[in-house]
Amino acid sequence: MGRAQDMLEKAMQNIKELSNNADFSDRCNDGLSRLDAQKDKFFFQSLAGLPSANKLFKATEKMIADPSDNNMNEIETFIQEIDDKADAPGTVLT
């Protein structure tokens, strides 16, 4: 598994942990399903996805330390960024 995939896995593990919080469980589960659809794409098999995965991981660590709407919004922003980048034309290198 590539470094980006490893980092994404750690972030997803944190989000799974956060889904136990009733205030955020629906949003966490939605984010997990979106990330699950992206994790095996080339974007995360190369180093291209590492910066996004790292930002998401740091945001999840922040959310674990301080569960709040602002921190959850940050996680959702990074998930959207990952969706956009992983599916963008030119993401797959040949």
Protein backbone atom coordinates (compact mmCIF):
# COMPACT_ATOMS: atom_id res chain seq x y z
CA MET A 1 0.00 0.00 0.00
CA GLY A 2 1.33 3.48 -0.86
CA ARG A 3 2.05 6.19 1.69
CA ALA A 4 -1.00 8.16 0.59
CA GLN A 5 -3.22 5.11 1.04
CA ASP A 6 -1.70 4.46 4.48
CA MET A 7 -2.38 8.05 5.54
CA LEU A 8 -5.90 7.89 4.15
CA GLU A 9 -6.50 4.64 6.07
CA LYS A 10 -5.40 6.33 9.31
CA ALA A 11 -7.73 9.26 8.64
CA MET A 12 -10.60 6.87 7.88
CA GLN A 13 -9.88 4.98 11.10
CA ASN A 14 -10.15 8.27 13.01
CA ILE A 15 -13.43 9.08 11.26
CA LYS A 16 -14.77 5.62 12.22
CA GLU A 17 -13.88 6.44 15.81
CA LEU A 18 -15.62 9.81 15.51
CA SER A 19 -18.77 8.16 14.11
CA ASN A 20 -19.47 6.89 17.64
CA ASN A 21 -20.31 10.48 18.56
CA ALA A 22 -24.08 10.76 18.02
CA ASP A 23 -23.78 14.44 17.03
CA PHE A 24 -21.55 13.60 14.08
CA SER A 25 -22.26 9.97 13.21
CA ASP A 26 -24.31 10.64 10.04
CA ARG A 27 -21.75 13.08 8.67
CA CYS A 28 -18.87 10.73 9.53
CA ASN A 29 -20.56 7.75 7.90
CA ASP A 30 -21.27 9.79 4.76
CA GLY A 31 -17.64 10.87 4.64
CA LEU A 32 -16.43 7.30 5.11
CA SER A 33 -18.51 6.02 2.20
CA ARG A 34 -17.18 8.83 -0.03
CA LEU A 35 -13.58 8.09 0.97
CA ASP A 36 -14.06 4.37 0.52
CA ALA A 37 -15.00 5.01 -3.11
CA GLN A 38 -11.75 6.96 -3.62
CA LYS A 39 -9.13 5.03 -1.66
CA ASP A 40 -8.14 2.54 -4.37
CA LYS A 41 -7.81 5.09 -7.15
CA PHE A 42 -4.41 5.84 -8.64
CA PHE A 43 -4.47 9.22 -6.89
CA PHE A 44 -3.81 7.40 -3.60
CA GLN A 45 -1.57 4.70 -5.06
CA SER A 46 0.99 7.35 -5.93
CA LEU A 47 2.37 10.24 -3.91
CA ALA A 48 -0.09 12.60 -5.64
CA GLY A 49 -2.70 11.98 -2.97
CA LEU A 50 -0.36 12.31 0.01
CA PRO A 51 -0.87 16.04 0.73
CA SER A 52 -4.67 15.66 0.70
CA ALA A 53 -4.56 12.53 2.83
CA ASN A 54 -2.23 14.24 5.28
CA LYS A 55 -4.48 17.32 5.59
CA LEU A 56 -7.47 15.05 6.20
CA PHE A 57 -5.57 13.03 8.81
CA LYS A 58 -4.54 16.21 10.68
CA ALA A 59 -8.12 17.47 10.58
CA THR A 60 -9.39 14.18 12.06
CA GLU A 61 -6.81 14.36 14.84
CA LYS A 62 -7.97 17.90 15.60
CA MET A 63 -11.60 16.71 15.63
CA ILE A 64 -10.78 13.90 18.07
CA ALA A 65 -9.18 16.42 20.42
CA ASP A 66 -12.01 18.95 20.02
CA PRO A 67 -15.27 17.60 18.55
CA SER A 68 -17.04 20.62 17.07
CA ASP A 69 -19.05 21.66 14.03
CA ASN A 70 -16.14 23.80 12.80
CA ASN A 71 -13.75 20.85 12.91
CA MET A 72 -16.30 18.55 11.25
CA ASN A 73 -16.79 21.17 8.52
CA GLU A 74 -13.04 21.16 7.93
CA ILE A 75 -13.06 17.37 7.53
CA GLU A 76 -15.94 17.59 5.06
CA THR A 77 -14.07 20.26 3.10
CA PHE A 78 -11.04 18.00 2.76
CA ILE A 79 -13.24 15.05 1.75
CA GLN A 80 -14.75 17.21 -1.00
CA GLU A 81 -11.24 18.25 -2.07
CA ILE A 82 -10.29 14.57 -2.29
CA ASP A 83 -13.42 13.79 -4.33
CA ASP A 84 -12.60 16.62 -6.72
CA LYS A 85 -8.92 15.79 -7.11
CA ALA A 86 -9.22 12.02 -7.30
CA ASP A 87 -11.74 12.28 -10.14
CA ALA A 88 -10.12 15.22 -11.95
CA PRO A 89 -8.95 14.78 -15.53
CA GLY A 90 -5.21 14.28 -15.64
CA THR A 91 -5.04 12.71 -12.20
CA VAL A 92 -4.11 9.34 -13.65
CA LEU A 93 -0.55 9.44 -14.87
CA THR A 94 0.39 7.28 -17.83
